[in-house]
Amino acid sequence: MGSVAKNSLGFYLSQLKNHPLRTKAITAGVLSAVSDITAQKLSGIQKLQLKRLLLKVLFGAFYLGPFGHFLHKALDKIFKGKSDNKTVAKKVLLEQLTASPWNNLMFLIYYGAVVEGRPWFEVKSKIKKDYPPLQLASWMFWPVVGWINHRHVPLQFRVIFGSVIACSWGIFLNLRARTVALPKPKPN
């Protein structure tokens, strides 16, 4: 491994050890940026939408990273650090019945209300339409990731592992949540 890469990895691991919450938040923010830039390009947006990008970075850094940090600490505490198959199954089930629906709902609310700036009645309507299939897709994808994460990834790396996988999931969510701008209502 090159010295720059080796030094960078050493610095990152040092930050993760000494400042875990901050490091996971920054990592989630950076990966949210990568995810959104990719989604914008895949959806045909020619000029990068910087406001949207910044809002997605904020969501990653101030919600996803910290939420994951505390969720994994809580799960490890509840299940006393065990990683046998039965315990991992319980962790995955608990995560999928609580955190998964919550995170998908928060994403749809944030994306509609904050990123797109839509009024609440439109956000609510979009959630009613898009949430059930989104959550079903989530339950088909994330349990496998959760199993690998809880079974094979050390606690301090679980949020980072999830964030890397979530980068691809974020592209899926962005492409799914993206809507065509509604025409402005005509004045009466």
N, C-alpha and C. Protein backbone atom coordinates (compact mmCIF):
# COMPACT_ATOMS: atom_id res chain seq x y z
N MET A 1 0.87 -1.17 0.00
CA MET A 1 0.00 0.00 0.00
C MET A 1 0.91 1.23 0.00
N GLY A 2 0.58 2.22 -0.83
CA GLY A 2 1.37 3.43 -0.90
C GLY A 2 1.38 4.17 0.42
N SER A 3 2.42 4.96 0.63
CA SER A 3 2.55 5.66 1.91
C SER A 3 1.42 6.67 2.14
N VAL A 4 0.95 7.33 1.07
CA VAL A 4 -0.14 8.29 1.23
C VAL A 4 -1.42 7.56 1.67
N ALA A 5 -1.72 6.46 1.00
CA ALA A 5 -2.91 5.67 1.35
C ALA A 5 -2.78 5.10 2.75
N LYS A 6 -1.60 4.59 3.07
CA LYS A 6 -1.38 4.00 4.39
C LYS A 6 -1.50 5.06 5.48
N ASN A 7 -0.92 6.23 5.25
CA ASN A 7 -1.01 7.33 6.23
C ASN A 7 -2.44 7.83 6.36
N SER A 8 -3.16 7.91 5.24
CA SER A 8 -4.55 8.36 5.27
C SER A 8 -5.41 7.38 6.06
N LEU A 9 -5.22 6.08 5.80
CA LEU A 9 -5.97 5.07 6.53
C LEU A 9 -5.64 5.13 8.02
N GLY A 10 -4.36 5.28 8.36
CA GLY A 10 -3.96 5.40 9.76
C GLY A 10 -4.60 6.60 10.43
N PHE A 11 -4.63 7.73 9.73
CA PHE A 11 -5.26 8.94 10.26
C PHE A 11 -6.75 8.71 10.49
N TYR A 12 -7.41 8.10 9.48
CA TYR A 12 -8.84 7.83 9.58
C TYR A 12 -9.15 6.92 10.77
N LEU A 13 -8.39 5.85 10.91
CA LEU A 13 -8.62 4.92 12.02
C LEU A 13 -8.35 5.58 13.36
N SER A 14 -7.37 6.46 13.42
CA SER A 14 -7.09 7.22 14.64
C SER A 14 -8.27 8.13 14.99
N GLN A 15 -8.81 8.80 13.97
CA GLN A 15 -9.97 9.67 14.20
C GLN A 15 -11.18 8.85 14.63
N LEU A 16 -11.35 7.69 14.01
CA LEU A 16 -12.48 6.81 14.36
C LEU A 16 -12.37 6.36 15.81
N LYS A 17 -11.16 6.08 16.26
CA LYS A 17 -10.95 5.64 17.64
C LYS A 17 -11.15 6.79 18.63
N ASN A 18 -10.60 7.96 18.32
CA ASN A 18 -10.62 9.09 19.25
C ASN A 18 -11.87 9.95 19.16
N HIS A 19 -12.51 9.97 18.00
CA HIS A 19 -13.70 10.80 17.78
C HIS A 19 -14.71 10.01 16.94
N PRO A 20 -15.25 8.93 17.49
CA PRO A 20 -16.09 8.04 16.67
C PRO A 20 -17.34 8.71 16.09
N LEU A 21 -18.06 9.47 16.88
CA LEU A 21 -19.30 10.08 16.39
C LEU A 21 -18.99 11.07 15.28
N ARG A 22 -18.04 11.94 15.50
CA ARG A 22 -17.67 12.95 14.49
C ARG A 22 -17.19 12.27 13.20
N THR A 23 -16.36 11.25 13.33
CA THR A 23 -15.82 10.57 12.15
C THR A 23 -16.92 9.87 11.37
N LYS A 24 -17.83 9.22 12.07
CA LYS A 24 -18.94 8.54 11.38
C LYS A 24 -19.87 9.56 10.73
N ALA A 25 -20.09 10.70 11.37
CA ALA A 25 -20.94 11.75 10.80
C ALA A 25 -20.31 12.31 9.52
N ILE A 26 -19.03 12.61 9.57
CA ILE A 26 -18.34 13.14 8.39
C ILE A 26 -18.34 12.10 7.27
N THR A 27 -18.07 10.86 7.62
CA THR A 27 -18.06 9.78 6.62
C THR A 27 -19.43 9.66 5.96
N ALA A 28 -20.49 9.68 6.77
CA ALA A 28 -21.85 9.57 6.21
C ALA A 28 -22.16 10.77 5.32
N GLY A 29 -21.70 11.95 5.71
CA GLY A 29 -21.90 13.14 4.88
C GLY A 29 -21.19 13.03 3.54
N VAL A 30 -19.93 12.60 3.57
CA VAL A 30 -19.15 12.45 2.34
C VAL A 30 -19.79 11.39 1.44
N LEU A 31 -20.18 10.27 2.01
CA LEU A 31 -20.80 9.22 1.20
C LEU A 31 -22.17 9.63 0.68
N SER A 32 -22.88 10.47 1.43
CA SER A 32 -24.15 11.03 0.92
C SER A 32 -23.88 11.91 -0.29
N ALA A 33 -22.78 12.65 -0.25
CA ALA A 33 -22.40 13.48 -1.40
C ALA A 33 -22.11 12.62 -2.62
N VAL A 34 -21.32 11.57 -2.42
CA VAL A 34 -20.98 10.67 -3.54
C VAL A 34 -22.27 10.07 -4.12
N SER A 35 -23.15 9.65 -3.24
CA SER A 35 -24.41 9.05 -3.64
C SER A 35 -25.25 10.04 -4.44
N ASP A 36 -25.36 11.27 -3.96
CA ASP A 36 -26.21 12.25 -4.63
C ASP A 36 -25.61 12.70 -5.96
N ILE A 37 -24.31 12.90 -6.02
CA ILE A 37 -23.67 13.28 -7.28
C ILE A 37 -23.92 12.19 -8.33
N THR A 38 -23.75 10.94 -7.91
CA THR A 38 -23.98 9.82 -8.83
C THR A 38 -25.43 9.78 -9.28
N ALA A 39 -26.36 9.94 -8.33
CA ALA A 39 -27.79 9.92 -8.66
C ALA A 39 -28.16 11.07 -9.60
N GLN A 40 -27.60 12.25 -9.35
CA GLN A 40 -27.89 13.38 -10.23
C GLN A 40 -27.41 13.08 -11.66
N LYS A 41 -26.21 12.54 -11.78
CA LYS A 41 -25.68 12.24 -13.11
C LYS A 41 -26.49 11.14 -13.79
N LEU A 42 -26.86 10.09 -13.04
CA LEU A 42 -27.65 9.00 -13.62
C LEU A 42 -29.05 9.44 -14.05
N SER A 43 -29.59 10.44 -13.35
CA SER A 43 -30.94 10.90 -13.69
C SER A 43 -30.93 11.95 -14.80
N GLY A 44 -29.74 12.24 -15.35
CA GLY A 44 -29.66 13.13 -16.50
C GLY A 44 -29.50 14.61 -16.17
N ILE A 45 -29.28 14.94 -14.93
CA ILE A 45 -29.08 16.34 -14.56
C ILE A 45 -27.70 16.76 -15.09
N GLN A 46 -27.69 17.77 -15.93
CA GLN A 46 -26.45 18.20 -16.58
C GLN A 46 -25.57 19.01 -15.64
N LYS A 47 -26.16 20.01 -14.98
CA LYS A 47 -25.40 20.87 -14.07
C LYS A 47 -25.70 20.43 -12.64
N LEU A 48 -24.66 20.14 -11.90
CA LEU A 48 -24.82 19.67 -10.53
C LEU A 48 -25.65 20.66 -9.71
N GLN A 49 -26.67 20.15 -9.02
CA GLN A 49 -27.52 20.98 -8.18
C GLN A 49 -26.87 21.07 -6.80
N LEU A 50 -26.15 22.16 -6.57
CA LEU A 50 -25.35 22.30 -5.36
C LEU A 50 -26.19 22.41 -4.09
N LYS A 51 -27.32 23.10 -4.17
CA LYS A 51 -28.18 23.21 -2.98
C LYS A 51 -28.68 21.83 -2.56
N ARG A 52 -29.14 21.06 -3.53
CA ARG A 52 -29.61 19.70 -3.25
C ARG A 52 -28.47 18.87 -2.66
N LEU A 53 -27.29 18.98 -3.27
CA LEU A 53 -26.12 18.24 -2.79
C LEU A 53 -25.80 18.60 -1.34
N LEU A 54 -25.77 19.88 -1.03
CA LEU A 54 -25.49 20.32 0.33
C LEU A 54 -26.54 19.79 1.31
N LEU A 55 -27.80 19.83 0.92
CA LEU A 55 -28.86 19.34 1.80
C LEU A 55 -28.73 17.83 2.05
N LYS A 56 -28.32 17.09 1.04
CA LYS A 56 -28.11 15.65 1.21
C LYS A 56 -26.90 15.38 2.11
N VAL A 57 -25.85 16.18 1.97
CA VAL A 57 -24.67 16.04 2.84
C VAL A 57 -25.08 16.30 4.30
N LEU A 58 -25.88 17.32 4.52
CA LEU A 58 -26.34 17.64 5.88
C LEU A 58 -27.17 16.49 6.46
N PHE A 59 -28.02 15.89 5.64
CA PHE A 59 -28.83 14.76 6.10
C PHE A 59 -27.92 13.60 6.52
N GLY A 60 -26.92 13.32 5.70
CA GLY A 60 -25.98 12.24 6.03
C GLY A 60 -25.19 12.53 7.29
N ALA A 61 -24.65 13.75 7.36
CA ALA A 61 -23.77 14.10 8.48
C ALA A 61 -24.50 14.31 9.79
N PHE A 62 -25.67 14.92 9.73
CA PHE A 62 -26.36 15.25 10.98
C PHE A 62 -27.48 14.30 11.37
N TYR A 63 -27.86 13.41 10.46
CA TYR A 63 -28.88 12.43 10.82
C TYR A 63 -28.35 10.99 10.68
N LEU A 64 -27.97 10.59 9.46
CA LEU A 64 -27.64 9.19 9.22
C LEU A 64 -26.43 8.71 10.03
N GLY A 65 -25.35 9.47 10.01
CA GLY A 65 -24.15 9.07 10.76
C GLY A 65 -24.41 8.94 12.25
N PRO A 66 -24.93 10.01 12.88
CA PRO A 66 -25.22 9.91 14.33
C PRO A 66 -26.26 8.85 14.67
N PHE A 67 -27.32 8.75 13.85
CA PHE A 67 -28.35 7.74 14.12
C PHE A 67 -27.73 6.34 14.11
N GLY A 68 -26.93 6.05 13.08
CA GLY A 68 -26.28 4.75 13.00
C GLY A 68 -25.34 4.50 14.16
N HIS A 69 -24.59 5.53 14.55
CA HIS A 69 -23.65 5.41 15.68
C HIS A 69 -24.39 4.95 16.94
N PHE A 70 -25.45 5.67 17.29
CA PHE A 70 -26.17 5.35 18.52
C PHE A 70 -27.00 4.07 18.40
N LEU A 71 -27.52 3.79 17.21
CA LEU A 71 -28.27 2.55 17.00
C LEU A 71 -27.39 1.33 17.25
N HIS A 72 -26.21 1.32 16.66
CA HIS A 72 -25.33 0.15 16.81
C HIS A 72 -24.79 0.02 18.23
N LYS A 73 -24.55 1.14 18.89
CA LYS A 73 -24.14 1.06 20.29
C LYS A 73 -25.27 0.49 21.14
N ALA A 74 -26.50 0.93 20.86
CA ALA A 74 -27.65 0.44 21.63
C ALA A 74 -27.87 -1.06 21.38
N LEU A 75 -27.82 -1.47 20.12
CA LEU A 75 -28.01 -2.89 19.82
C LEU A 75 -26.93 -3.74 20.48
N ASP A 76 -25.70 -3.26 20.47
CA ASP A 76 -24.62 -4.00 21.10
C ASP A 76 -24.83 -4.09 22.61
N LYS A 77 -25.36 -3.03 23.20
CA LYS A 77 -25.62 -3.03 24.64
C LYS A 77 -26.80 -3.95 24.98
N ILE A 78 -27.87 -3.85 24.20
CA ILE A 78 -29.05 -4.69 24.43
C ILE A 78 -28.69 -6.17 24.35
N PHE A 79 -27.87 -6.52 23.35
CA PHE A 79 -27.53 -7.92 23.12
C PHE A 79 -26.15 -8.28 23.65
N LYS A 80 -25.63 -7.45 24.52
CA LYS A 80 -24.38 -7.70 25.27
C LYS A 80 -23.20 -8.11 24.37
N GLY A 81 -23.12 -7.49 23.18
CA GLY A 81 -21.98 -7.74 22.31
C GLY A 81 -21.93 -9.10 21.66
N LYS A 82 -22.97 -9.90 21.81
CA LYS A 82 -22.96 -11.25 21.23
C LYS A 82 -23.11 -11.19 19.71
N SER A 83 -22.53 -12.18 19.02
CA SER A 83 -22.67 -12.23 17.56
C SER A 83 -22.94 -13.65 17.05
N ASP A 84 -23.53 -14.48 17.91
CA ASP A 84 -23.93 -15.81 17.46
C ASP A 84 -25.14 -15.66 16.51
N ASN A 85 -25.44 -16.70 15.78
CA ASN A 85 -26.50 -16.63 14.77
C ASN A 85 -27.85 -16.21 15.33
N LYS A 86 -28.22 -16.75 16.47
CA LYS A 86 -29.52 -16.42 17.07
C LYS A 86 -29.58 -14.94 17.46
N THR A 87 -28.51 -14.43 18.06
CA THR A 87 -28.47 -13.02 18.47
C THR A 87 -28.45 -12.11 17.26
N VAL A 88 -27.68 -12.47 16.24
CA VAL A 88 -27.62 -11.66 15.02
C VAL A 88 -29.00 -11.60 14.37
N ALA A 89 -29.71 -12.72 14.34
CA ALA A 89 -31.06 -12.73 13.78
C ALA A 89 -31.97 -11.77 14.55
N LYS A 90 -31.85 -11.75 15.87
CA LYS A 90 -32.65 -10.83 16.69
C LYS A 90 -32.29 -9.38 16.40
N LYS A 91 -30.98 -9.10 16.27
CA LYS A 91 -30.53 -7.73 15.97
C LYS A 91 -31.08 -7.27 14.62
N VAL A 92 -30.97 -8.13 13.63
CA VAL A 92 -31.44 -7.78 12.28
C VAL A 92 -32.94 -7.56 12.31
N LEU A 93 -33.68 -8.45 12.97
CA LEU A 93 -35.13 -8.31 13.06
C LEU A 93 -35.51 -6.99 13.75
N LEU A 94 -34.89 -6.72 14.88
CA LEU A 94 -35.18 -5.47 15.60
C LEU A 94 -34.85 -4.25 14.75
N GLU A 95 -33.71 -4.29 14.10
CA GLU A 95 -33.30 -3.17 13.23
C GLU A 95 -34.29 -2.98 12.08
N GLN A 96 -34.73 -4.08 11.48
CA GLN A 96 -35.64 -3.98 10.34
C GLN A 96 -37.06 -3.57 10.73
N LEU A 97 -37.45 -3.85 11.95
CA LEU A 97 -38.80 -3.46 12.39
C LEU A 97 -38.84 -2.05 12.99
N THR A 98 -37.69 -1.49 13.31
CA THR A 98 -37.67 -0.15 13.94
C THR A 98 -36.90 0.86 13.08
N ALA A 99 -35.61 0.69 12.98
CA ALA A 99 -34.76 1.67 12.31
C ALA A 99 -35.05 1.77 10.81
N SER A 100 -35.27 0.67 10.16
CA SER A 100 -35.51 0.69 8.71
C SER A 100 -36.75 1.49 8.33
N PRO A 101 -37.91 1.20 8.92
CA PRO A 101 -39.08 2.01 8.57
C PRO A 101 -38.90 3.49 8.94
N TRP A 102 -38.29 3.73 10.08
CA TRP A 102 -38.07 5.12 10.54
C TRP A 102 -37.16 5.86 9.56
N ASN A 103 -36.02 5.26 9.21
CA ASN A 103 -35.07 5.94 8.32
C ASN A 103 -35.67 6.21 6.94
N ASN A 104 -36.41 5.26 6.41
CA ASN A 104 -37.03 5.48 5.10
C ASN A 104 -38.09 6.57 5.16
N LEU A 105 -38.85 6.61 6.23
CA LEU A 105 -39.84 7.67 6.40
C LEU A 105 -39.15 9.03 6.54
N MET A 106 -38.10 9.10 7.34
CA MET A 106 -37.36 10.35 7.51
C MET A 106 -36.76 10.83 6.19
N PHE A 107 -36.25 9.88 5.40
CA PHE A 107 -35.69 10.26 4.10
C PHE A 107 -36.78 10.87 3.22
N LEU A 108 -37.93 10.22 3.11
CA LEU A 108 -39.00 10.74 2.25
C LEU A 108 -39.50 12.11 2.72
N ILE A 109 -39.61 12.29 4.03
CA ILE A 109 -40.04 13.58 4.56
C ILE A 109 -38.98 14.65 4.25
N TYR A 110 -37.73 14.34 4.57
CA TYR A 110 -36.65 15.30 4.35
C TYR A 110 -36.51 15.64 2.87
N TYR A 111 -36.53 14.62 2.03
CA TYR A 111 -36.36 14.85 0.60
C TYR A 111 -37.49 15.71 0.05
N GLY A 112 -38.72 15.37 0.41
CA GLY A 112 -39.87 16.13 -0.11
C GLY A 112 -39.96 17.54 0.46
N ALA A 113 -39.88 17.64 1.78
CA ALA A 113 -40.10 18.94 2.43
C ALA A 113 -38.88 19.86 2.34
N VAL A 114 -37.68 19.31 2.52
CA VAL A 114 -36.48 20.15 2.59
C VAL A 114 -35.78 20.24 1.23
N VAL A 115 -35.45 19.09 0.65
CA VAL A 115 -34.69 19.10 -0.60
C VAL A 115 -35.53 19.67 -1.74
N GLU A 116 -36.75 19.17 -1.90
CA GLU A 116 -37.61 19.66 -2.97
C GLU A 116 -38.43 20.88 -2.57
N GLY A 117 -38.55 21.15 -1.27
CA GLY A 117 -39.30 22.32 -0.81
C GLY A 117 -40.79 22.24 -1.06
N ARG A 118 -41.33 21.05 -1.02
CA ARG A 118 -42.77 20.87 -1.28
C ARG A 118 -43.60 21.15 -0.03
N PRO A 119 -44.84 21.57 -0.23
CA PRO A 119 -45.73 21.74 0.93
C PRO A 119 -46.07 20.38 1.54
N TRP A 120 -46.44 20.41 2.82
CA TRP A 120 -46.67 19.16 3.56
C TRP A 120 -47.70 18.25 2.90
N PHE A 121 -48.80 18.81 2.36
CA PHE A 121 -49.82 17.95 1.77
C PHE A 121 -49.26 17.16 0.58
N GLU A 122 -48.34 17.73 -0.19
CA GLU A 122 -47.72 17.00 -1.30
C GLU A 122 -46.76 15.93 -0.78
N VAL A 123 -46.00 16.28 0.25
CA VAL A 123 -45.07 15.32 0.86
C VAL A 123 -45.85 14.13 1.40
N LYS A 124 -46.93 14.43 2.11
CA LYS A 124 -47.76 13.37 2.69
C LYS A 124 -48.35 12.47 1.60
N SER A 125 -48.80 13.06 0.52
CA SER A 125 -49.36 12.30 -0.59
C SER A 125 -48.30 11.40 -1.22
N LYS A 126 -47.10 11.93 -1.38
CA LYS A 126 -46.00 11.15 -1.97
C LYS A 126 -45.60 10.01 -1.04
N ILE A 127 -45.60 10.26 0.26
CA ILE A 127 -45.28 9.20 1.22
C ILE A 127 -46.31 8.08 1.13
N LYS A 128 -47.58 8.44 1.09
CA LYS A 128 -48.63 7.42 0.99
C LYS A 128 -48.44 6.54 -0.25
N LYS A 129 -47.99 7.16 -1.34
CA LYS A 129 -47.81 6.43 -2.59
C LYS A 129 -46.50 5.65 -2.60
N ASP A 130 -45.41 6.26 -2.16
CA ASP A 130 -44.08 5.68 -2.34
C ASP A 130 -43.54 4.88 -1.15
N TYR A 131 -44.06 5.14 0.04
CA TYR A 131 -43.48 4.49 1.22
C TYR A 131 -43.64 2.96 1.22
N PRO A 132 -44.84 2.43 0.98
CA PRO A 132 -44.98 0.95 1.04
C PRO A 132 -44.04 0.20 0.10
N PRO A 133 -43.95 0.57 -1.20
CA PRO A 133 -43.02 -0.18 -2.05
C PRO A 133 -41.55 0.05 -1.68
N LEU A 134 -41.25 1.25 -1.19
CA LEU A 134 -39.88 1.55 -0.77
C LEU A 134 -39.49 0.69 0.43
N GLN A 135 -40.39 0.59 1.40
CA GLN A 135 -40.09 -0.20 2.59
C GLN A 135 -39.99 -1.69 2.25
N LEU A 136 -40.82 -2.13 1.34
CA LEU A 136 -40.74 -3.53 0.91
C LEU A 136 -39.40 -3.80 0.23
N ALA A 137 -38.96 -2.89 -0.63
CA ALA A 137 -37.65 -3.04 -1.28
C ALA A 137 -36.54 -3.03 -0.23
N SER A 138 -36.70 -2.19 0.76
CA SER A 138 -35.72 -2.10 1.84
C SER A 138 -35.63 -3.43 2.59
N TRP A 139 -36.76 -4.03 2.88
CA TRP A 139 -36.76 -5.31 3.59
C TRP A 139 -36.20 -6.46 2.75
N MET A 140 -36.15 -6.27 1.45
CA MET A 140 -35.55 -7.30 0.60
C MET A 140 -34.03 -7.15 0.53
N PHE A 141 -33.53 -5.95 0.77
CA PHE A 141 -32.11 -5.65 0.59
C PHE A 141 -31.34 -5.60 1.91
N TRP A 142 -31.84 -4.83 2.87
CA TRP A 142 -31.06 -4.52 4.08
C TRP A 142 -30.89 -5.66 5.08
N PRO A 143 -31.79 -6.63 5.18
CA PRO A 143 -31.52 -7.71 6.13
C PRO A 143 -30.21 -8.47 5.84
N VAL A 144 -29.89 -8.65 4.58
CA VAL A 144 -28.64 -9.33 4.22
C VAL A 144 -27.45 -8.48 4.68
N VAL A 145 -27.53 -7.18 4.40
CA VAL A 145 -26.47 -6.26 4.83
C VAL A 145 -26.36 -6.26 6.35
N GLY A 146 -27.50 -6.22 7.02
CA GLY A 146 -27.51 -6.24 8.49
C GLY A 146 -26.90 -7.51 9.05
N TRP A 147 -27.21 -8.63 8.42
CA TRP A 147 -26.65 -9.91 8.88
C TRP A 147 -25.12 -9.89 8.77
N ILE A 148 -24.61 -9.48 7.62
CA ILE A 148 -23.16 -9.41 7.43
C ILE A 148 -22.55 -8.43 8.44
N ASN A 149 -23.20 -7.29 8.59
CA ASN A 149 -22.69 -6.24 9.48
C ASN A 149 -22.61 -6.72 10.92
N HIS A 150 -23.69 -7.29 11.44
CA HIS A 150 -23.73 -7.71 12.84
C HIS A 150 -22.92 -8.99 13.10
N ARG A 151 -22.77 -9.79 12.08
CA ARG A 151 -22.07 -11.07 12.26
C ARG A 151 -20.56 -10.96 12.07
N HIS A 152 -20.14 -10.11 11.13
CA HIS A 152 -18.73 -10.13 10.73
C HIS A 152 -17.97 -8.81 10.90
N VAL A 153 -18.68 -7.72 11.12
CA VAL A 153 -18.02 -6.41 11.17
C VAL A 153 -17.89 -5.96 12.63
N PRO A 154 -16.69 -5.57 13.06
CA PRO A 154 -16.53 -5.07 14.43
C PRO A 154 -17.38 -3.82 14.66
N LEU A 155 -17.84 -3.62 15.89
CA LEU A 155 -18.75 -2.54 16.24
C LEU A 155 -18.28 -1.19 15.71
N GLN A 156 -17.00 -0.86 15.87
CA GLN A 156 -16.53 0.47 15.48
C GLN A 156 -16.60 0.71 13.96
N PHE A 157 -16.74 -0.37 13.16
CA PHE A 157 -16.81 -0.23 11.71
C PHE A 157 -18.21 -0.44 11.13
N ARG A 158 -19.19 -0.74 11.97
CA ARG A 158 -20.53 -1.07 11.45
C ARG A 158 -21.20 0.10 10.75
N VAL A 159 -21.10 1.29 11.32
CA VAL A 159 -21.72 2.46 10.68
C VAL A 159 -21.03 2.73 9.35
N ILE A 160 -19.72 2.61 9.31
CA ILE A 160 -18.98 2.88 8.09
C ILE A 160 -19.33 1.84 7.02
N PHE A 161 -19.39 0.57 7.41
CA PHE A 161 -19.79 -0.48 6.47
C PHE A 161 -21.19 -0.18 5.94
N GLY A 162 -22.10 0.12 6.84
CA GLY A 162 -23.48 0.45 6.43
C GLY A 162 -23.52 1.69 5.55
N SER A 163 -22.69 2.68 5.85
CA SER A 163 -22.66 3.91 5.05
C SER A 163 -22.16 3.65 3.64
N VAL A 164 -21.18 2.78 3.51
CA VAL A 164 -20.67 2.45 2.17
C VAL A 164 -21.76 1.76 1.36
N ILE A 165 -22.45 0.80 1.96
CA ILE A 165 -23.54 0.12 1.27
C ILE A 165 -24.68 1.11 1.02
N ALA A 166 -24.93 1.98 1.99
CA ALA A 166 -26.01 2.97 1.87
C ALA A 166 -25.75 3.96 0.75
N CYS A 167 -24.51 4.10 0.36
CA CYS A 167 -24.18 4.97 -0.77
C CYS A 167 -24.94 4.48 -2.02
N SER A 168 -24.92 3.18 -2.27
CA SER A 168 -25.67 2.61 -3.39
C SER A 168 -27.18 2.69 -3.14
N TRP A 169 -27.58 2.39 -1.93
CA TRP A 169 -29.00 2.49 -1.57
C TRP A 169 -29.48 3.93 -1.74
N GLY A 170 -28.64 4.89 -1.39
CA GLY A 170 -28.98 6.30 -1.54
C GLY A 170 -29.21 6.69 -2.99
N ILE A 171 -28.43 6.11 -3.88
CA ILE A 171 -28.65 6.36 -5.31
C ILE A 171 -30.03 5.85 -5.69
N PHE A 172 -30.36 4.64 -5.23
CA PHE A 172 -31.69 4.07 -5.48
C PHE A 172 -32.78 4.99 -4.91
N LEU A 173 -32.61 5.44 -3.66
CA LEU A 173 -33.62 6.31 -3.04
C LEU A 173 -33.76 7.63 -3.78
N ASN A 174 -32.62 8.22 -4.13
CA ASN A 174 -32.66 9.49 -4.85
C ASN A 174 -33.40 9.36 -6.17
N LEU A 175 -33.09 8.31 -6.90
CA LEU A 175 -33.75 8.11 -8.19
C LEU A 175 -35.24 7.82 -8.01
N ARG A 176 -35.56 7.13 -6.93
CA ARG A 176 -36.97 6.81 -6.67
C ARG A 176 -37.74 8.02 -6.15
N ALA A 177 -37.10 8.85 -5.32
CA ALA A 177 -37.78 9.99 -4.71
C ALA A 177 -37.89 11.18 -5.66
N ARG A 178 -37.02 11.22 -6.64
CA ARG A 178 -37.00 12.35 -7.57
C ARG A 178 -38.35 12.45 -8.28
N THR A 179 -38.89 13.64 -8.30
CA THR A 179 -40.17 13.84 -8.96
C THR A 179 -40.05 14.99 -9.95
N VAL A 180 -40.91 14.98 -10.90
CA VAL A 180 -40.95 16.08 -11.86
C VAL A 180 -41.57 17.27 -11.15
N ALA A 181 -40.98 18.44 -11.32
CA ALA A 181 -41.49 19.65 -10.67
C ALA A 181 -42.91 19.91 -11.13
N LEU A 182 -43.75 20.20 -10.17
CA LEU A 182 -45.14 20.51 -10.48
C LEU A 182 -45.24 21.92 -11.03
N PRO A 183 -46.15 22.15 -11.97
CA PRO A 183 -46.31 23.52 -12.46
C PRO A 183 -46.85 24.40 -11.34
N LYS A 184 -46.43 25.67 -11.40
CA LYS A 184 -46.92 26.62 -10.38
C LYS A 184 -48.38 26.89 -10.62
N PRO A 185 -49.17 27.01 -9.51
CA PRO A 185 -50.60 27.27 -9.70
C PRO A 185 -50.79 28.66 -10.33
N LYS A 186 -51.79 28.73 -11.21
CA LYS A 186 -52.10 30.01 -11.86
C LYS A 186 -52.86 30.88 -10.89
N PRO A 187 -52.52 32.18 -10.85
CA PRO A 187 -53.25 33.07 -9.95
C PRO A 187 -54.70 33.22 -10.42
N ASN A 188 -55.60 33.36 -9.45
CA ASN A 188 -57.04 33.49 -9.78
C ASN A 188 -57.37 34.88 -10.20
